[in-house]
Amino acid sequence: MGENPNRRRQLIPDKSSTSEVSMARKCVSAAIILAVVFAFGLGAQVLTGPNNAITDVPGILVGNYDSNFTGTTVIFAPKGAVGGVDVRGSAPGSRETDLLRPTNLVDKVDAVVLTGGSAFGLAAAQGVMTWLEENKIGWGVGGGNVVPIVPAAVLFDPGRFGRPFNYWPDASFGYLAITAAKGGPVAMGNVGAGAGAIAGGLKGGLGTASQNLGDGVFVGAIVATNAGGSAVNPATGELYASYLEVGGEFGSPKKPLALLQSGTEMAMIDAMEPAKNTTIVCIATNVKLTKAQAQKIAEMAHDGMARAIRPSHTMFDGDTVFVLGTGLLDLATLKQVAVWGNEAANVSKLGAAAADVLSRAIVHAILNAQTVGTVLSYKDKYPTAFAK
């Protein structure tokens, strides 16, 4: 039998049809990309809050206390906040993290403590609890009594900068830190929980940043950067997350001049000290969150740590991110629209912003740190990065 020529034509793809299908697929892909960009706010201009600090989030105050290159930072929510947490490091020191699981009862946090002192420093949280109880702030248990809810995380700094190993934050540090809690600008560098911090061989410290998402919604981060990994690109001497700079906030640092002249790769920053690290963080926003949503935002925020510090989440770090939602605005204020769920899109936008804000806060921690003894600050090690 002869071959049916019509059948043969059906088996051979029509070039014009193939081209149209290809073009249609490209259009669909572009539409998906644009949808993601606008859903996460990636196409919009980034704005900071008025102080570029976590205190730009309504309902959040910060207090610091430090002594002899160790200290405590308290993030205080006077009206309470829904809390979440995500721990990615393998050597954490913490308290009340189990309480923040979505399946557990208590859904309001009064304060978060970030502190030096390794596990000994958890005692600082007791001082915060004492102050809160004196002011009748906490989870009501009847008879006019309260139990303050104070999650905490520690970093390792005992024995640094000439102080005795057994000099670490105690209850008095926490009490004095929350007594000093206030809004407005937040001190950075060698203060509070960042006083004894070291990051990748350079002086670490406390840093903060914020983002204004519009319609009254803010996201802020505060971080004590005490990382085993480095915040500096060894090939260029640049800070990994400097590209996220908003409005010249970092002073627009350049590649260190010596590196540009030599064209050689910078020597690797000092090796991490095993078990002597940990970067601890609190993220806050003024929208209403569930515990599960707060936990998801904490998970996404860790991406900001990984962008700013390499490596992160090691066996020797206890990297921990807390998230607080003060609930002053409805989540729908973000006005995200997505076929997979508007609420999910709103949470995703907060998580994406939290990651960026954390990266920027880490850069501020490194740039505001000051040299202590032989541990140089970034600015002292690479002065040409800011030379005019």
Protein backbone atom coordinates (compact mmCIF):
# COMPACT_ATOMS: atom_id res chain seq x y z
CA MET A 1 0.00 0.00 0.00
CA GLY A 2 1.17 3.48 -0.73
CA GLU A 3 1.77 5.95 2.09
CA ASN A 4 -1.01 8.41 2.77
CA PRO A 5 0.55 11.86 2.10
CA ASN A 6 -1.95 13.53 4.44
CA ARG A 7 -0.84 11.27 7.29
CA ARG A 8 2.79 12.15 6.62
CA ARG A 9 2.01 15.84 6.83
CA GLN A 10 0.36 15.25 10.21
CA LEU A 11 3.54 13.58 11.54
CA ILE A 12 5.82 16.42 10.47
CA PRO A 13 5.61 19.39 12.94
CA ASP A 14 4.58 22.62 11.36
CA LYS A 15 7.38 25.14 11.95
CA SER A 16 5.03 28.06 12.35
CA SER A 17 2.98 26.17 14.94
CA THR A 18 6.12 25.17 16.87
CA SER A 19 7.28 28.78 16.90
CA GLU A 20 3.91 29.97 18.20
CA VAL A 21 3.93 27.36 21.00
CA SER A 22 7.48 28.36 21.97
CA MET A 23 6.51 32.03 22.05
CA ALA A 24 3.44 31.24 24.16
CA ARG A 25 5.57 29.33 26.66
CA LYS A 26 8.01 32.22 26.92
CA CYS A 27 5.15 34.62 27.56
CA VAL A 28 3.76 32.38 30.30
CA SER A 29 7.24 32.08 31.89
CA ALA A 30 7.68 35.85 31.81
CA ALA A 31 4.26 36.32 33.38
CA ILE A 32 5.16 33.90 36.17
CA ILE A 33 8.45 35.69 36.82
CA LEU A 34 6.72 39.08 36.95
CA ALA A 35 4.10 37.66 39.30
CA VAL A 36 6.81 36.46 41.68
CA VAL A 37 8.66 39.77 41.46
CA PHE A 38 5.61 41.80 42.36
CA ALA A 39 4.31 39.29 44.92
CA PHE A 40 7.54 39.58 46.90
CA GLY A 41 7.94 43.30 46.28
CA LEU A 42 11.21 42.73 44.41
CA GLY A 43 10.36 45.30 41.77
CA ALA A 44 9.62 48.11 44.22
CA GLN A 45 11.99 50.71 45.64
CA VAL A 46 13.32 49.64 49.04
CA LEU A 47 12.84 52.13 51.87
CA THR A 48 14.10 51.98 55.44
CA GLY A 49 12.23 53.08 58.53
CA PRO A 50 13.08 56.48 60.07
CA ASN A 51 15.84 55.05 62.29
CA ASN A 52 16.78 52.06 60.11
CA ALA A 53 16.40 49.97 63.26
CA ILE A 54 14.13 47.29 64.69
CA THR A 55 12.57 49.99 66.85
CA ASP A 56 10.92 51.36 63.69
CA VAL A 57 8.46 48.50 64.20
CA PRO A 58 5.60 49.92 66.32
CA GLY A 59 5.38 48.07 69.63
CA ILE A 60 9.10 47.21 69.88
CA LEU A 61 11.68 48.65 72.30
CA VAL A 62 15.36 47.73 72.69
CA GLY A 63 17.68 47.91 75.68
CA ASN A 64 21.38 47.06 76.05
CA TYR A 65 23.72 46.49 78.94
CA ASP A 66 27.34 45.41 78.74
CA SER A 67 30.40 45.25 80.94
CA ASN A 68 33.99 44.13 80.32
CA PHE A 69 33.31 43.10 76.71
CA THR A 70 30.26 40.94 77.26
CA GLY A 71 26.62 41.92 77.43
CA THR A 72 22.92 41.49 76.91
CA THR A 73 20.36 42.90 74.47
CA VAL A 74 16.63 42.82 75.23
CA ILE A 75 13.89 43.23 72.61
CA PHE A 76 10.80 44.24 74.60
CA ALA A 77 7.19 44.15 73.37
CA PRO A 78 5.21 46.01 76.08
CA LYS A 79 1.85 44.88 74.65
CA GLY A 80 3.09 41.38 73.85
CA ALA A 81 3.81 39.76 70.49
CA VAL A 82 3.20 36.42 68.80
CA GLY A 83 6.53 34.62 68.56
CA GLY A 84 8.24 32.09 66.35
CA VAL A 85 11.76 30.68 66.15
CA ASP A 86 14.00 28.68 63.84
CA VAL A 87 17.35 27.20 64.90
CA ARG A 88 19.77 26.24 62.11
CA GLY A 89 23.11 26.06 63.93
CA SER A 90 24.20 22.77 65.53
CA ALA A 91 25.51 24.23 68.81
CA PRO A 92 22.65 26.38 70.17
CA GLY A 93 22.13 27.66 73.68
CA SER A 94 18.55 28.75 74.27
CA ARG A 95 15.46 28.77 76.46
CA GLU A 96 11.69 28.76 75.78
CA THR A 97 12.17 27.80 72.12
CA ASP A 98 9.91 24.73 72.51
CA LEU A 99 7.19 27.00 73.85
CA LEU A 100 7.11 28.81 70.51
CA ARG A 101 6.13 25.72 68.53
CA PRO A 102 2.76 26.26 66.84
CA THR A 103 1.28 23.22 68.64
CA ASN A 104 2.07 24.56 72.12
CA LEU A 105 -0.19 26.68 74.30
CA VAL A 106 1.35 30.08 75.00
CA ASP A 107 1.03 32.42 72.01
CA LYS A 108 2.40 35.70 73.38
CA VAL A 109 6.00 36.70 74.06
CA ASP A 110 6.89 39.59 76.37
CA ALA A 111 10.57 39.96 75.51
CA VAL A 112 13.42 38.23 73.70
CA VAL A 113 16.92 38.10 75.14
CA LEU A 114 20.11 37.95 73.05
CA THR A 115 23.15 37.56 75.28
CA GLY A 116 26.79 36.66 75.58
CA GLY A 117 28.16 34.21 78.12
CA SER A 118 27.43 30.92 76.38
CA ALA A 119 24.95 28.76 78.36
CA PHE A 120 25.86 30.64 81.55
CA GLY A 121 24.47 33.82 79.99
CA LEU A 122 20.94 32.41 79.97
CA ALA A 123 20.78 33.69 83.54
CA ALA A 124 20.27 37.17 82.04
CA ALA A 125 16.73 36.14 81.10
CA GLN A 126 15.89 35.72 84.80
CA GLY A 127 16.62 39.39 85.37
CA VAL A 128 14.26 40.32 82.53
CA MET A 129 11.57 38.09 84.05
CA THR A 130 12.04 39.73 87.44
CA TRP A 131 11.55 43.23 85.98
CA LEU A 132 8.51 42.13 83.99
CA GLU A 133 6.92 40.43 87.00
CA GLU A 134 7.49 43.55 89.11
CA ASN A 135 5.56 45.46 86.43
CA LYS A 136 2.84 42.77 86.17
CA ILE A 137 3.66 41.96 82.56
CA GLY A 138 3.32 38.33 81.54
CA TRP A 139 1.04 35.34 81.05
CA GLY A 140 -1.81 35.56 83.55
CA VAL A 141 -2.07 32.55 85.87
CA GLY A 142 -4.81 33.78 88.22
CA GLY A 143 -4.86 35.74 91.44
CA GLY A 144 -3.25 38.74 89.78
CA ASN A 145 -0.07 36.72 89.17
CA VAL A 146 1.84 36.53 85.89
CA VAL A 147 4.61 34.43 84.40
CA PRO A 148 6.64 36.51 81.91
CA ILE A 149 7.43 34.74 78.65
CA VAL A 150 11.06 35.44 77.75
CA PRO A 151 12.74 33.28 75.08
CA ALA A 152 16.51 33.69 74.92
CA ALA A 153 19.55 32.66 72.89
CA VAL A 154 23.26 32.93 73.67
CA LEU A 155 26.52 33.34 71.81
CA PHE A 156 29.95 32.19 72.93
CA ASP A 157 32.28 34.92 74.23
CA PRO A 158 33.62 33.77 77.66
CA GLY A 159 37.29 34.51 78.34
CA ARG A 160 37.71 36.98 75.49
CA PHE A 161 39.62 40.25 75.55
CA GLY A 162 41.42 39.51 78.83
CA ARG A 163 38.44 38.96 81.10
CA PRO A 164 38.15 35.83 83.31
CA PHE A 165 36.31 32.92 81.75
CA ASN A 166 33.76 32.99 84.59
CA TYR A 167 32.79 36.62 83.97
CA TRP A 168 29.54 36.37 82.04
CA PRO A 169 26.09 38.03 81.97
CA ASP A 170 23.92 37.23 84.96
CA ALA A 171 20.44 38.30 86.05
CA SER A 172 21.61 41.85 86.70
CA PHE A 173 22.56 42.26 83.00
CA GLY A 174 19.05 41.35 81.90
CA TYR A 175 17.41 43.57 84.52
CA LEU A 176 19.53 46.59 83.55
CA ALA A 177 19.04 45.97 79.83
CA ILE A 178 15.24 45.91 79.97
CA THR A 179 15.26 48.90 82.32
CA ALA A 180 17.08 50.78 79.54
CA ALA A 181 14.68 49.63 76.79
CA LYS A 182 13.42 52.44 74.56
CA GLY A 183 12.42 53.33 71.04
CA GLY A 184 14.35 55.45 68.55
CA PRO A 185 17.93 54.93 67.37
CA VAL A 186 19.71 51.77 68.53
CA ALA A 187 23.41 51.69 69.43
CA MET A 188 25.44 49.28 67.30
CA GLY A 189 28.86 47.67 67.35
CA ASN A 190 30.57 46.77 70.64
CA VAL A 191 27.40 47.03 72.71
CA GLY A 192 24.92 44.69 74.36
CA ALA A 193 25.13 41.11 73.13
CA GLY A 194 27.69 42.20 70.53
CA ALA A 195 30.22 43.53 73.04
CA GLY A 196 32.38 40.40 73.00
CA ALA A 197 31.55 39.18 69.51
CA ILE A 198 34.07 38.07 66.88
CA ALA A 199 33.10 37.28 63.29
CA GLY A 200 35.44 35.40 60.99
CA GLY A 201 38.51 36.70 62.80
CA LEU A 202 37.35 40.34 62.77
CA LYS A 203 35.55 42.17 65.57
CA GLY A 204 31.85 41.38 65.41
CA GLY A 205 29.06 43.26 67.10
CA LEU A 206 25.43 44.28 67.32
CA GLY A 207 23.65 45.52 64.20
CA THR A 208 20.13 46.53 63.22
CA ALA A 209 18.17 47.57 60.13
CA SER A 210 14.57 48.02 58.98
CA GLN A 211 12.38 48.14 55.88
CA ASN A 212 9.23 50.13 55.24
CA LEU A 213 6.89 47.92 53.19
CA GLY A 214 4.28 50.64 52.78
CA ASP A 215 0.78 51.14 54.23
CA GLY A 216 2.30 51.37 57.71
CA VAL A 217 3.96 47.92 57.66
CA PHE A 218 7.53 47.62 58.94
CA VAL A 219 10.01 44.78 59.28
CA GLY A 220 13.10 45.14 61.46
CA ALA A 221 16.04 43.00 62.52
CA ILE A 222 18.61 43.10 65.29
CA VAL A 223 21.56 40.72 65.29
CA ALA A 224 24.54 39.88 67.47
CA THR A 225 27.10 38.76 64.87
CA ASN A 226 29.55 36.29 66.40
CA ALA A 227 30.02 33.99 63.44
CA GLY A 228 32.49 31.23 62.79
CA GLY A 229 32.21 32.08 59.11
CA SER A 230 33.24 35.33 57.52
CA ALA A 231 31.17 38.31 56.42
CA VAL A 232 33.99 39.24 54.02
CA ASN A 233 34.55 37.88 50.51
CA PRO A 234 38.14 36.55 50.63
CA ALA A 235 38.65 37.23 46.91
CA THR A 236 37.86 40.95 47.09
CA GLY A 237 37.78 42.10 50.72
CA GLU A 238 34.19 43.26 50.22
CA LEU A 239 31.37 42.49 52.62
CA TYR A 240 29.22 39.77 51.09
CA ALA A 241 25.92 41.57 51.66
CA SER A 242 27.07 45.10 50.80
CA TYR A 243 25.12 44.89 47.52
CA LEU A 244 21.89 45.16 49.54
CA GLU A 245 22.77 48.69 50.67
CA VAL A 246 19.78 51.05 50.82
CA GLY A 247 20.25 54.78 50.41
CA GLY A 248 23.99 54.77 51.12
CA GLU A 249 23.46 53.30 54.60
CA PHE A 250 26.85 51.50 54.58
CA GLY A 251 28.82 54.47 53.33
CA SER A 252 29.10 52.77 49.93
CA PRO A 253 32.34 50.87 50.67
CA LYS A 254 34.72 50.06 47.80
CA LYS A 255 37.03 47.14 47.19
CA PRO A 256 40.10 47.59 49.42
CA LEU A 257 42.72 49.47 47.40
CA ALA A 258 45.58 47.06 48.10
CA LEU A 259 43.59 44.22 46.60
CA LEU A 260 42.83 46.22 43.47
CA GLN A 261 46.49 47.11 43.01
CA SER A 262 47.88 43.65 43.57
CA GLY A 263 45.16 41.74 41.79
CA THR A 264 45.89 38.83 44.13
CA GLU A 265 43.44 36.98 46.28
CA MET A 266 43.28 38.06 49.90
CA ALA A 267 44.49 35.52 52.45
CA MET A 268 41.67 33.63 54.12
CA ILE A 269 40.44 35.20 57.33
CA ASP A 270 41.44 33.39 60.52
CA ALA A 271 39.97 29.93 60.91
CA MET A 272 36.90 29.68 63.08
CA GLU A 273 37.29 28.63 66.69
CA PRO A 274 35.34 25.40 67.23
CA ALA A 275 32.36 25.89 69.57
CA LYS A 276 33.12 29.60 70.04
CA ASN A 277 30.65 31.16 67.64
CA THR A 278 26.89 31.73 67.01
CA THR A 279 24.89 34.53 65.41
CA ILE A 280 21.61 35.31 67.20
CA VAL A 281 18.77 37.36 65.77
CA CYS A 282 15.37 38.87 66.46
CA ILE A 283 13.08 39.92 63.60
CA ALA A 284 9.97 41.99 64.27
CA THR A 285 6.98 43.23 62.30
CA ASN A 286 3.86 45.11 63.32
CA VAL A 287 1.36 42.85 61.53
CA LYS A 288 -0.73 40.12 63.09
CA LEU A 289 0.84 36.67 62.77
CA THR A 290 0.06 33.16 63.90
CA LYS A 291 2.84 31.16 65.53
CA ALA A 292 3.14 29.05 62.39
CA GLN A 293 3.50 32.16 60.21
CA ALA A 294 6.12 33.60 62.57
CA GLN A 295 8.06 30.35 62.36
CA LYS A 296 7.95 30.40 58.55
CA ILE A 297 9.27 33.97 58.48
CA ALA A 298 12.09 32.89 60.80
CA GLU A 299 12.96 30.07 58.40
CA MET A 300 13.10 32.46 55.44
CA ALA A 301 15.10 35.02 57.43
CA HIS A 302 17.93 32.52 57.81
CA ASP A 303 18.56 32.99 54.08
CA GLY A 304 19.68 36.52 54.91
CA MET A 305 22.26 35.14 57.32
CA ALA A 306 23.55 32.72 54.71
CA ARG A 307 23.88 35.55 52.17
CA ALA A 308 25.89 37.71 54.58
CA ILE A 309 28.08 35.09 56.32
CA ARG A 310 29.91 32.16 54.75
CA PRO A 311 29.67 29.51 55.97
CA SER A 312 26.60 29.79 58.19
CA HIS A 313 24.76 27.20 60.30
CA THR A 314 27.88 25.14 60.95
CA MET A 315 28.44 22.45 63.55
CA PHE A 316 30.14 25.10 65.69
CA ASP A 317 27.43 27.79 65.45
CA GLY A 318 24.09 27.92 67.28
CA ASP A 319 22.51 30.28 64.74
CA THR A 320 19.01 31.17 65.95
CA VAL A 321 16.34 33.53 64.60
CA PHE A 322 13.34 34.70 66.65
CA VAL A 323 10.38 36.47 65.03
CA LEU A 324 7.86 38.73 66.78
CA GLY A 325 4.57 40.02 65.38
CA THR A 326 3.09 42.86 67.45
CA GLY A 327 -0.29 42.51 65.70
CA LEU A 328 -1.08 46.21 65.32
CA LEU A 329 -2.09 45.77 61.66
CA ASP A 330 -3.88 42.98 59.85
CA LEU A 331 -1.74 40.74 57.66
CA ALA A 332 -3.94 41.66 54.69
CA THR A 333 -2.58 45.23 54.91
CA LEU A 334 0.26 43.98 52.70
CA LYS A 335 -2.27 43.56 49.87
CA GLN A 336 -0.47 40.69 48.16
CA VAL A 337 -2.54 38.77 45.60
CA ALA A 338 -1.62 35.29 44.40
CA VAL A 339 -3.42 32.34 42.88
CA TRP A 340 -1.91 30.09 45.56
CA GLY A 341 -3.41 32.18 48.36
CA ASN A 342 -3.23 35.83 49.32
CA GLU A 343 -2.37 35.09 52.95
CA ALA A 344 0.48 32.85 51.86
CA ALA A 345 1.75 35.61 49.57
CA ASN A 346 1.67 38.11 52.44
CA VAL A 347 3.73 35.79 54.66
CA SER A 348 6.16 35.21 51.80
CA LYS A 349 6.67 38.94 51.34
CA LEU A 350 7.41 39.37 55.05
CA GLY A 351 9.86 36.47 54.94
CA ALA A 352 11.66 37.87 51.91
CA ALA A 353 11.94 41.29 53.57
CA ALA A 354 13.14 39.70 56.83
CA ALA A 355 15.98 37.96 54.99
CA ASP A 356 17.14 41.19 53.34
CA VAL A 357 16.84 43.20 56.54
CA LEU A 358 18.88 40.60 58.44
CA SER A 359 21.64 40.69 55.81
CA ARG A 360 21.81 44.47 56.11
CA ALA A 361 21.82 44.32 59.93
CA ILE A 362 24.83 41.97 59.79
CA VAL A 363 26.70 44.46 57.61
CA HIS A 364 25.90 47.22 60.12
CA ALA A 365 27.19 45.02 62.95
CA ILE A 366 30.53 44.55 61.19
CA LEU A 367 30.88 48.18 60.11
CA ASN A 368 30.06 49.57 63.57
CA ALA A 369 32.36 47.19 65.46
CA GLN A 370 35.52 48.69 66.94
CA THR A 371 38.95 47.14 67.29
CA VAL A 372 39.70 45.50 70.65
CA GLY A 373 43.33 44.62 71.25
CA THR A 374 44.62 42.48 68.39
CA VAL A 375 41.13 41.77 67.02
CA LEU A 376 40.73 44.36 64.29
CA SER A 377 37.49 45.87 63.07
CA TYR A 378 36.66 45.71 59.37
CA LYS A 379 37.28 49.45 59.00
CA ASP A 380 40.70 49.21 60.64
CA LYS A 381 41.77 46.18 58.60
CA TYR A 382 40.55 47.63 55.29
CA PRO A 383 40.71 51.43 55.66
CA THR A 384 40.94 52.00 51.91
CA ALA A 385 37.42 50.61 51.49
CA PHE A 386 36.17 53.96 52.81
CA ALA A 387 38.96 56.24 51.56
CA LYS A 388 37.76 59.25 49.56
